[in-house]
């Protein structure tokens, strides 16, 4: 679960960077997808951290 959360957050950060650097019409959707993936990845990572304790 920890690796899954980190992988999802990494994908979210990549999408966020691509959304910030692009200038096409899909910039808003790319930013939303990036933020959504970061939030989901953090939730998965946090849940796995709490299960380990």
PDB file of N, CA and C in Angstrom:
ATOM      1  N   UNK A   1       0.815  -1.201   0.000  1.00  0.00           N
ATOM      2  CA  UNK A   1       0.000   0.000   0.000  1.00  0.00           C
ATOM      3  C   UNK A   1       0.857   1.263   0.000  1.00  0.00           C
ATOM      4  N   UNK A   2       1.993   1.204   0.701  1.00  0.00           N
ATOM      5  CA  UNK A   2       2.855   2.388   0.728  1.00  0.00           C
ATOM      6  C   UNK A   2       3.374   2.709  -0.663  1.00  0.00           C
ATOM      7  N   UNK A   3       3.820   1.658  -1.365  1.00  0.00           N
ATOM      8  CA  UNK A   3       4.353   1.872  -2.715  1.00  0.00           C
ATOM      9  C   UNK A   3       3.259   2.343  -3.665  1.00  0.00           C
ATOM     10  N   UNK A   4       2.055   1.821  -3.504  1.00  0.00           N
ATOM     11  CA  UNK A   4       0.945   2.260  -4.356  1.00  0.00           C
ATOM     12  C   UNK A   4       0.634   3.734  -4.135  1.00  0.00           C
ATOM     13  N   UNK A   5       0.619   4.157  -2.886  1.00  0.00           N
ATOM     14  CA  UNK A   5       0.351   5.558  -2.591  1.00  0.00           C
ATOM     15  C   UNK A   5       1.422   6.474  -3.150  1.00  0.00           C
ATOM     16  N   UNK A   6       2.680   6.062  -3.010  1.00  0.00           N
ATOM     17  CA  UNK A   6       3.774   6.873  -3.548  1.00  0.00           C
ATOM     18  C   UNK A   6       3.727   6.922  -5.068  1.00  0.00           C
ATOM     19  N   UNK A   7       3.380   5.797  -5.698  1.00  0.00           N
ATOM     20  CA  UNK A   7       3.292   5.758  -7.156  1.00  0.00           C
ATOM     21  C   UNK A   7       2.181   6.675  -7.662  1.00  0.00           C
ATOM     22  N   UNK A   8       1.044   6.657  -7.004  1.00  0.00           N
ATOM     23  CA  UNK A   8      -0.078   7.510  -7.409  1.00  0.00           C
ATOM     24  C   UNK A   8       0.281   8.983  -7.212  1.00  0.00           C
ATOM     25  N   UNK A   9       0.947   9.298  -6.088  1.00  0.00           N
ATOM     26  CA  UNK A   9       1.356  10.688  -5.861  1.00  0.00           C
ATOM     27  C   UNK A   9       2.380  11.137  -6.896  1.00  0.00           C
ATOM     28  N   UNK A  10       3.287  10.238  -7.292  1.00  0.00           N
ATOM     29  CA  UNK A  10       4.269  10.579  -8.322  1.00  0.00           C
ATOM     30  C   UNK A  10       3.568  10.902  -9.637  1.00  0.00           C
ATOM     31  N   UNK A  11       2.600  10.084 -10.006  1.00  0.00           N
ATOM     32  CA  UNK A  11       1.821  10.370 -11.213  1.00  0.00           C
ATOM     33  C   UNK A  11       1.086  11.694 -11.112  1.00  0.00           C
ATOM     34  N   UNK A  12       0.587  12.005  -9.934  1.00  0.00           N
ATOM     35  CA  UNK A  12      -0.091  13.282  -9.724  1.00  0.00           C
ATOM     36  C   UNK A  12       0.846  14.467  -9.863  1.00  0.00           C
ATOM     37  N   UNK A  13       2.062  14.336  -9.328  1.00  0.00           N
ATOM     38  CA  UNK A  13       3.032  15.429  -9.456  1.00  0.00           C
ATOM     39  C   UNK A  13       3.464  15.619 -10.904  1.00  0.00           C
ATOM     40  N   UNK A  14       3.607  14.523 -11.632  1.00  0.00           N
ATOM     41  CA  UNK A  14       3.959  14.634 -13.055  1.00  0.00           C
ATOM     42  C   UNK A  14       2.834  15.332 -13.818  1.00  0.00           C
ATOM     43  N   UNK A  15       1.592  14.942 -13.546  1.00  0.00           N
ATOM     44  CA  UNK A  15       0.453  15.596 -14.207  1.00  0.00           C
ATOM     45  C   UNK A  15       0.367  17.066 -13.816  1.00  0.00           C
ATOM     46  N   UNK A  16       0.677  17.379 -12.561  1.00  0.00           N
ATOM     47  CA  UNK A  16       0.649  18.769 -12.113  1.00  0.00           C
ATOM     48  C   UNK A  16       1.702  19.600 -12.836  1.00  0.00           C
ATOM     49  N   UNK A  17       2.902  19.056 -12.971  1.00  0.00           N
ATOM     50  CA  UNK A  17       3.968  19.767 -13.687  1.00  0.00           C
ATOM     51  C   UNK A  17       3.598  19.953 -15.152  1.00  0.00           C
ATOM     52  N   UNK A  18       3.065  18.906 -15.774  1.00  0.00           N
ATOM     53  CA  UNK A  18       2.649  19.029 -17.171  1.00  0.00           C
ATOM     54  C   UNK A  18       1.523  20.047 -17.328  1.00  0.00           C
ATOM     55  N   UNK A  19       0.612  20.084 -16.374  1.00  0.00           N
ATOM     56  CA  UNK A  19      -0.474  21.053 -16.433  1.00  0.00           C
ATOM     57  C   UNK A  19       0.000  22.481 -16.255  1.00  0.00           C
ATOM     58  N   UNK A  20       1.016  22.665 -15.431  1.00  0.00           N
ATOM     59  CA  UNK A  20       1.537  24.016 -15.209  1.00  0.00           C
ATOM     60  C   UNK A  20       2.370  24.515 -16.381  1.00  0.00           C
ATOM     61  N   UNK A  21       3.003  23.597 -17.114  1.00  0.00           N
ATOM     62  CA  UNK A  21       3.880  24.020 -18.209  1.00  0.00           C
ATOM     63  C   UNK A  21       3.181  24.051 -19.559  1.00  0.00           C
ATOM     64  N   UNK A  22       2.024  23.425 -19.682  1.00  0.00           N
ATOM     65  CA  UNK A  22       1.347  23.414 -20.979  1.00  0.00           C
ATOM     66  C   UNK A  22       0.549  24.703 -21.173  1.00  0.00           C
ATOM     67  N   UNK A  23       0.263  24.983 -22.425  1.00  0.00           N
ATOM     68  CA  UNK A  23      -0.503  26.197 -22.720  1.00  0.00           C
ATOM     69  C   UNK A  23      -1.711  25.897 -23.605  1.00  0.00           C
ATOM     70  N   UNK A  24      -2.113  24.635 -23.672  1.00  0.00           N
ATOM     71  CA  UNK A  24      -3.259  24.291 -24.510  1.00  0.00           C
ATOM     72  C   UNK A  24      -4.555  24.374 -23.707  1.00  0.00           C
ATOM     73  N   UNK A  25      -5.641  24.004 -24.334  1.00  0.00           N
ATOM     74  CA  UNK A  25      -6.942  24.097 -23.696  1.00  0.00           C
ATOM     75  C   UNK A  25      -7.190  23.055 -22.627  1.00  0.00           C
ATOM     76  N   UNK A  26      -6.355  22.041 -22.562  1.00  0.00           N
ATOM     77  CA  UNK A  26      -6.536  20.967 -21.587  1.00  0.00           C
ATOM     78  C   UNK A  26      -5.771  21.228 -20.293  1.00  0.00           C
ATOM     79  N   UNK A  27      -5.224  22.410 -20.135  1.00  0.00           N
ATOM     80  CA  UNK A  27      -4.406  22.721 -18.966  1.00  0.00           C
ATOM     81  C   UNK A  27      -5.218  22.595 -17.675  1.00  0.00           C
ATOM     82  N   UNK A  28      -6.431  23.086 -17.658  1.00  0.00           N
ATOM     83  CA  UNK A  28      -7.267  23.042 -16.457  1.00  0.00           C
ATOM     84  C   UNK A  28      -7.562  21.602 -16.046  1.00  0.00           C
ATOM     85  N   UNK A  29      -7.907  20.755 -17.017  1.00  0.00           N
ATOM     86  CA  UNK A  29      -8.220  19.361 -16.708  1.00  0.00           C
ATOM     87  C   UNK A  29      -6.985  18.603 -16.244  1.00  0.00           C
ATOM     88  N   UNK A  30      -5.831  18.906 -16.825  1.00  0.00           N
ATOM     89  CA  UNK A  30      -4.594  18.257 -16.403  1.00  0.00           C
ATOM     90  C   UNK A  30      -4.256  18.643 -14.968  1.00  0.00           C
ATOM     91  N   UNK A  31      -4.462  19.895 -14.615  1.00  0.00           N
ATOM     92  CA  UNK A  31      -4.225  20.330 -13.240  1.00  0.00           C
ATOM     93  C   UNK A  31      -5.190  19.652 -12.268  1.00  0.00           C
ATOM     94  N   UNK A  32      -6.450  19.543 -12.649  1.00  0.00           N
ATOM     95  CA  UNK A  32      -7.424  18.864 -11.786  1.00  0.00           C
ATOM     96  C   UNK A  32      -7.076  17.397 -11.587  1.00  0.00           C
ATOM     97  N   UNK A  33      -6.676  16.731 -12.659  1.00  0.00           N
ATOM     98  CA  UNK A  33      -6.289  15.324 -12.557  1.00  0.00           C
ATOM     99  C   UNK A  33      -5.069  15.181 -11.657  1.00  0.00           C
ATOM    100  N   UNK A  34      -4.099  16.079 -11.801  1.00  0.00           N
ATOM    101  CA  UNK A  34      -2.905  16.036 -10.959  1.00  0.00           C
ATOM    102  C   UNK A  34      -3.233  16.218  -9.489  1.00  0.00           C
ATOM    103  N   UNK A  35      -4.066  17.193  -9.182  1.00  0.00           N
ATOM    104  CA  UNK A  35      -4.447  17.438  -7.787  1.00  0.00           C
ATOM    105  C   UNK A  35      -5.239  16.263  -7.237  1.00  0.00           C
ATOM    106  N   UNK A  36      -6.130  15.705  -8.047  1.00  0.00           N
ATOM    107  CA  UNK A  36      -6.927  14.549  -7.628  1.00  0.00           C
ATOM    108  C   UNK A  36      -6.032  13.343  -7.341  1.00  0.00           C
ATOM    109  N   UNK A  37      -5.052  13.078  -8.215  1.00  0.00           N
ATOM    110  CA  UNK A  37      -4.149  11.949  -8.004  1.00  0.00           C
ATOM    111  C   UNK A  37      -3.280  12.140  -6.762  1.00  0.00           C
ATOM    112  N   UNK A  38      -2.830  13.353  -6.520  1.00  0.00           N
ATOM    113  CA  UNK A  38      -2.032  13.615  -5.319  1.00  0.00           C
ATOM    114  C   UNK A  38      -2.868  13.366  -4.067  1.00  0.00           C
ATOM    115  N   UNK A  39      -4.111  13.810  -4.067  1.00  0.00           N
ATOM    116  CA  UNK A  39      -4.981  13.611  -2.905  1.00  0.00           C
ATOM    117  C   UNK A  39      -5.271  12.130  -2.677  1.00  0.00           C
ATOM    118  N   UNK A  40      -5.567  11.394  -3.743  1.00  0.00           N
ATOM    119  CA  UNK A  40      -5.834   9.958  -3.614  1.00  0.00           C
ATOM    120  C   UNK A  40      -4.579   9.227  -3.142  1.00  0.00           C
ATOM    121  N   UNK A  41      -3.435   9.558  -3.724  1.00  0.00           N
ATOM    122  CA  UNK A  41      -2.175   8.925  -3.327  1.00  0.00           C
ATOM    123  C   UNK A  41      -1.836   9.189  -1.878  1.00  0.00           C
ATOM    124  N   UNK A  42      -2.072  10.416  -1.424  1.00  0.00           N
ATOM    125  CA  UNK A  42      -1.803  10.733  -0.024  1.00  0.00           C
ATOM    126  C   UNK A  42      -2.730   9.954   0.899  1.00  0.00           C
ATOM    127  N   UNK A  43      -3.990   9.820   0.519  1.00  0.00           N
ATOM    128  CA  UNK A  43      -4.938   9.067   1.344  1.00  0.00           C
ATOM    129  C   UNK A  43      -4.533   7.599   1.442  1.00  0.00           C
ATOM    130  N   UNK A  44      -4.118   7.008   0.327  1.00  0.00           N
ATOM    131  CA  UNK A  44      -3.685   5.606   0.330  1.00  0.00           C
ATOM    132  C   UNK A  44      -2.428   5.444   1.174  1.00  0.00           C
ATOM    133  N   UNK A  45      -1.479   6.354   0.996  1.00  0.00           N
ATOM    134  CA  UNK A  45      -0.229   6.298   1.757  1.00  0.00           C
ATOM    135  C   UNK A  45      -0.492   6.472   3.252  1.00  0.00           C
ATOM    136  N   UNK A  46      -1.349   7.416   3.602  1.00  0.00           N
ATOM    137  CA  UNK A  46      -1.654   7.673   5.007  1.00  0.00           C
ATOM    138  C   UNK A  46      -2.367   6.482   5.644  1.00  0.00           C
ATOM    139  N   UNK A  47      -3.271   5.860   4.919  1.00  0.00           N
ATOM    140  CA  UNK A  47      -3.977   4.687   5.434  1.00  0.00           C
ATOM    141  C   UNK A  47      -3.004   3.535   5.681  1.00  0.00           C
ATOM    142  N   UNK A  48      -2.043   3.346   4.785  1.00  0.00           N
ATOM    143  CA  UNK A  48      -1.059   2.281   4.961  1.00  0.00           C
ATOM    144  C   UNK A  48      -0.134   2.575   6.135  1.00  0.00           C
ATOM    145  N   UNK A  49       0.218   3.826   6.332  1.00  0.00           N
ATOM    146  CA  UNK A  49       1.062   4.205   7.474  1.00  0.00           C
ATOM    147  C   UNK A  49       0.335   3.924   8.787  1.00  0.00           C
ATOM    148  N   UNK A  50      -0.949   4.196   8.849  1.00  0.00           N
ATOM    149  CA  UNK A  50      -1.702   3.966  10.076  1.00  0.00           C
ATOM    150  C   UNK A  50      -1.872   2.483  10.351  1.00  0.00           C
ATOM    151  N   UNK A  51      -1.954   1.653   9.307  1.00  0.00           N
ATOM    152  CA  UNK A  51      -2.080   0.208   9.503  1.00  0.00           C
ATOM    153  C   UNK A  51      -0.785  -0.393  10.032  1.00  0.00           C
ATOM    154  N   UNK A  52       0.361   0.188   9.685  1.00  0.00           N
ATOM    155  CA  UNK A  52       1.640  -0.338  10.145  1.00  0.00           C
ATOM    156  C   UNK A  52       1.832  -0.145  11.640  1.00  0.00           C
ATOM    157  N   UNK A  53       1.271   0.902  12.202  1.00  0.00           N
ATOM    158  CA  UNK A  53       1.472   1.205  13.621  1.00  0.00           C
ATOM    159  C   UNK A  53       0.695   0.330  14.520  1.00  0.00           C
TER     160      UNK A  53
END
